[in-house]
Amino acid sequence: MIVIQVAELIEEAKIEGINNVYTNNIPASAPDDKSVTDLRITELPEIDDDAGSDQTTTITKGVSIDIFYSTDADSDDLESRILNLMMNNGWFRIYSPGHTLDPETMQLSKTMHFTQKFDRNLKGIA
């Protein structure tokens, strides 16, 4: 599953400032702690691309990375590190709106969408 692969990529990179990486949802048992930065990775719709002999030959897969910042996080630095990691591993950022602020907790959040084209055997295409 693509979200697990991306979560493992981010966890292995040990990016300073990321405390927890979750796939698909943040469990109810997760601590509600404003001093940590959490990432949630979910899938985006797949797109069949390129054709040969009346069959698609590639597929574009995508992930959404939602960042829930601690109240003292450096959002610019963290986002730059995530962007560089993803791009260096064949992912392209396709969507990244501005930050949102939770008025109750005063925590920033950010969503970034990335896609990568794979051949039908799910090998990344650079």
Protein backbone atom coordinates (compact mmCIF):
# COMPACT_ATOMS: atom_id res chain seq x y z
CA MET A 1 0.00 0.00 0.00
CA ILE A 2 1.44 3.33 -1.08
CA VAL A 3 0.67 5.14 2.20
CA ILE A 4 2.75 2.61 4.13
CA GLN A 5 5.67 3.02 1.71
CA VAL A 6 5.59 6.82 2.10
CA ALA A 7 5.24 6.56 5.89
CA GLU A 8 8.29 4.28 6.01
CA LEU A 9 10.22 6.69 3.77
CA ILE A 10 9.47 9.59 6.12
CA GLU A 11 10.18 7.58 9.27
CA GLU A 12 13.50 6.29 7.91
CA ALA A 13 14.55 9.87 7.06
CA LYS A 14 14.20 10.80 10.75
CA ILE A 15 13.21 14.37 9.92
CA GLU A 16 13.72 16.52 12.98
CA GLY A 17 10.45 17.91 14.26
CA ILE A 18 8.20 15.02 13.21
CA ASN A 19 7.06 13.12 16.26
CA ASN A 20 4.45 10.69 14.86
CA VAL A 21 3.56 9.38 11.41
CA TYR A 22 0.14 7.80 10.93
CA THR A 23 -1.42 6.14 7.90
CA ASN A 24 -5.06 6.71 6.95
CA ASN A 25 -6.23 7.98 10.34
CA ILE A 26 -4.98 9.15 13.68
CA PRO A 27 -6.16 6.60 16.23
CA ALA A 28 -8.41 7.74 19.06
CA SER A 29 -5.79 6.38 21.45
CA ALA A 30 -3.19 8.89 20.20
CA PRO A 31 -2.38 11.49 22.83
CA ASP A 32 -3.89 14.94 22.32
CA ASP A 33 -0.59 16.74 22.80
CA LYS A 34 0.04 20.24 21.45
CA SER A 35 3.79 19.80 21.92
CA VAL A 36 4.17 17.20 19.14
CA THR A 37 3.95 17.37 15.35
CA ASP A 38 1.91 14.60 13.74
CA LEU A 39 1.69 13.55 10.09
CA ARG A 40 -1.25 11.69 8.58
CA ILE A 41 -0.75 10.08 5.17
CA THR A 42 -3.75 9.10 3.06
CA GLU A 43 -4.22 7.94 -0.53
CA LEU A 44 -5.36 10.10 -3.42
CA PRO A 45 -7.31 8.71 -6.39
CA GLU A 46 -5.25 6.67 -8.85
CA ILE A 47 -5.05 7.68 -12.50
CA ASP A 48 -4.44 5.22 -15.33
CA ASP A 49 -1.95 6.75 -17.75
CA ASP A 50 -0.31 5.94 -21.05
CA ALA A 51 -1.58 3.18 -23.26
CA GLY A 52 -0.18 0.50 -25.47
CA SER A 53 -2.07 -2.32 -27.21
CA ASP A 54 -5.35 -1.01 -25.77
CA GLN A 55 -4.10 -1.31 -22.18
CA THR A 56 -2.83 1.26 -19.74
CA THR A 57 0.88 0.88 -19.14
CA THR A 58 1.37 3.28 -16.22
CA ILE A 59 -0.55 4.41 -13.18
CA THR A 60 -0.19 7.63 -11.22
CA LYS A 61 -0.54 7.15 -7.48
CA GLY A 62 -0.84 9.95 -5.02
CA VAL A 63 -0.68 10.67 -1.31
CA SER A 64 -1.91 13.46 0.88
CA ILE A 65 0.33 14.42 3.76
CA ASP A 66 -1.49 16.33 6.48
CA ILE A 67 0.80 18.01 8.98
CA PHE A 68 -0.51 18.95 12.42
CA TYR A 69 2.14 21.17 13.98
CA SER A 70 3.16 21.51 17.59
CA THR A 71 2.64 25.02 18.88
CA ASP A 72 6.39 25.76 18.66
CA ALA A 73 7.21 24.06 15.32
CA ASP A 74 9.16 25.71 12.48
CA SER A 75 6.69 24.99 9.69
CA ASP A 76 8.82 26.38 6.84
CA ASP A 77 11.82 24.22 7.69
CA LEU A 78 9.76 21.07 8.19
CA GLU A 79 7.84 21.53 4.95
CA SER A 80 11.07 22.12 3.05
CA ARG A 81 12.55 18.90 4.44
CA ILE A 82 9.44 16.89 3.52
CA LEU A 83 9.34 18.42 0.04
CA ASN A 84 13.03 17.66 -0.58
CA LEU A 85 12.67 14.09 0.68
CA MET A 86 9.66 13.41 -1.50
CA MET A 87 11.17 15.02 -4.63
CA ASN A 88 14.46 13.16 -4.14
CA ASN A 89 12.43 9.94 -4.18
CA GLY A 90 10.51 10.61 -7.40
CA TRP A 91 7.43 12.36 -5.98
CA PHE A 92 6.06 15.63 -7.33
CA ARG A 93 4.08 18.10 -5.25
CA ILE A 94 0.83 18.94 -7.03
CA TYR A 95 -1.13 20.78 -4.34
CA SER A 96 -0.19 22.80 -1.30
CA PRO A 97 -2.64 25.43 -0.06
CA GLY A 98 -1.84 27.79 2.78
CA HIS A 99 -1.77 26.91 6.46
CA THR A 100 -4.87 26.71 8.58
CA LEU A 101 -5.03 27.69 12.23
CA ASP A 102 -7.15 25.90 14.79
CA PRO A 103 -8.69 28.74 16.81
CA GLU A 104 -9.06 26.56 19.92
CA THR A 105 -5.58 25.06 20.11
CA MET A 106 -3.70 27.73 18.10
CA GLN A 107 -2.01 24.93 16.15
CA LEU A 108 -1.14 25.25 12.47
CA SER A 109 -1.90 22.53 9.97
CA LYS A 110 -0.94 22.05 6.34
CA THR A 111 -1.85 19.65 3.54
CA MET A 112 0.47 18.68 0.70
CA HIS A 113 -0.41 16.34 -2.17
CA PHE A 114 2.23 14.39 -4.06
CA THR A 115 2.03 12.07 -7.07
CA GLN A 116 4.37 9.61 -8.75
CA LYS A 117 3.97 7.68 -11.97
CA PHE A 118 4.56 3.93 -11.80
CA ASP A 119 4.69 1.27 -14.47
CA ARG A 120 2.05 -1.43 -14.10
CA ASN A 121 4.50 -3.47 -11.98
CA LEU A 122 4.47 -0.52 -9.49
CA LYS A 123 8.06 0.47 -10.10
CA GLY A 124 8.63 4.22 -9.95
CA ILE A 125 9.29 6.00 -13.22
CA ALA A 126 11.73 8.89 -12.92
